[in-house]
Amino acid sequence: MITTLISLVIYLVVVGLILWLLMYIVDAIPGFEPFRSVARVAIVVIGCIILIYLLLGFLGETPKLPRLT
């Protein structure tokens, strides 16, 4: 149980750092404002999907991804 919590915390820290870095890069790149807002919303949505997928995986209810074949 404790190893599961430790691995969850490690996953959350790594995903959080990656998302923070992406937000920083979007803010640092000069560009048009609509692009920045769309990019920030896309980063947040992807981050939420990853978070939900990780939490479901730790609960044992990982959703099955559709096959592309």
Protein backbone atom coordinates (compact mmCIF):
# COMPACT_ATOMS: atom_id res chain seq x y z
CA MET A 1 0.00 0.00 0.00
CA ILE A 2 2.75 2.44 0.92
CA THR A 3 4.69 1.64 -2.26
CA THR A 4 1.59 2.39 -4.31
CA LEU A 5 1.22 5.79 -2.64
CA ILE A 6 4.90 6.58 -3.13
CA SER A 7 4.74 5.69 -6.81
CA LEU A 8 1.56 7.79 -7.19
CA VAL A 9 3.31 10.78 -5.63
CA ILE A 10 6.31 10.30 -7.93
CA TYR A 11 4.04 10.10 -10.98
CA LEU A 12 2.18 13.24 -9.91
CA VAL A 13 5.39 15.18 -9.35
CA VAL A 14 6.80 14.17 -12.75
CA VAL A 15 3.57 14.95 -14.61
CA GLY A 16 3.24 18.24 -12.72
CA LEU A 17 6.78 19.28 -13.64
CA ILE A 18 6.24 18.42 -17.30
CA LEU A 19 2.97 20.38 -17.42
CA TRP A 20 4.56 23.34 -15.62
CA LEU A 21 7.43 23.31 -18.14
CA LEU A 22 4.98 23.26 -21.05
CA MET A 23 3.05 26.20 -19.56
CA TYR A 24 6.32 28.10 -19.09
CA ILE A 25 7.36 27.45 -22.69
CA VAL A 26 3.97 28.60 -24.01
CA ASP A 27 4.28 31.83 -22.02
CA ALA A 28 7.91 32.39 -23.05
CA ILE A 29 7.36 32.01 -26.80
CA PRO A 30 6.31 35.25 -28.42
CA GLY A 31 3.12 34.85 -30.35
CA PHE A 32 -0.49 35.78 -30.70
CA GLU A 33 -2.72 35.74 -27.65
CA PRO A 34 -5.38 33.37 -29.04
CA PHE A 35 -2.66 30.76 -29.63
CA ARG A 36 -1.45 31.07 -26.04
CA SER A 37 -4.92 30.65 -24.56
CA VAL A 38 -5.74 27.66 -26.74
CA ALA A 39 -2.39 26.06 -25.93
CA ARG A 40 -2.86 26.62 -22.19
CA VAL A 41 -6.36 25.10 -22.29
CA ALA A 42 -5.06 22.11 -24.27
CA ILE A 43 -2.26 21.56 -21.73
CA VAL A 44 -4.70 21.69 -18.82
CA VAL A 45 -7.12 19.28 -20.51
CA ILE A 46 -4.35 16.81 -21.34
CA GLY A 47 -3.05 17.10 -17.77
CA CYS A 48 -6.50 16.33 -16.35
CA ILE A 49 -6.88 13.31 -18.62
CA ILE A 50 -3.48 11.98 -17.55
CA LEU A 51 -4.34 12.56 -13.89
CA ILE A 52 -7.67 10.73 -14.20
CA TYR A 53 -6.00 7.86 -16.07
CA LEU A 54 -3.31 7.53 -13.36
CA LEU A 55 -5.84 7.59 -10.53
CA LEU A 56 -8.03 5.00 -12.24
CA GLY A 57 -4.99 2.84 -12.79
CA PHE A 58 -4.14 2.89 -9.11
CA LEU A 59 -7.72 1.98 -8.25
CA GLY A 60 -7.50 -1.01 -10.54
CA GLU A 61 -10.06 0.25 -13.05
CA THR A 62 -7.84 1.26 -15.94
CA PRO A 63 -9.97 2.08 -18.98
CA LYS A 64 -9.25 0.01 -22.05
CA LEU A 65 -7.96 2.06 -24.95
CA PRO A 66 -9.50 1.31 -28.35
CA ARG A 67 -7.42 -0.57 -30.89
CA LEU A 68 -6.38 1.33 -33.98
CA THR A 69 -6.24 -1.73 -36.24
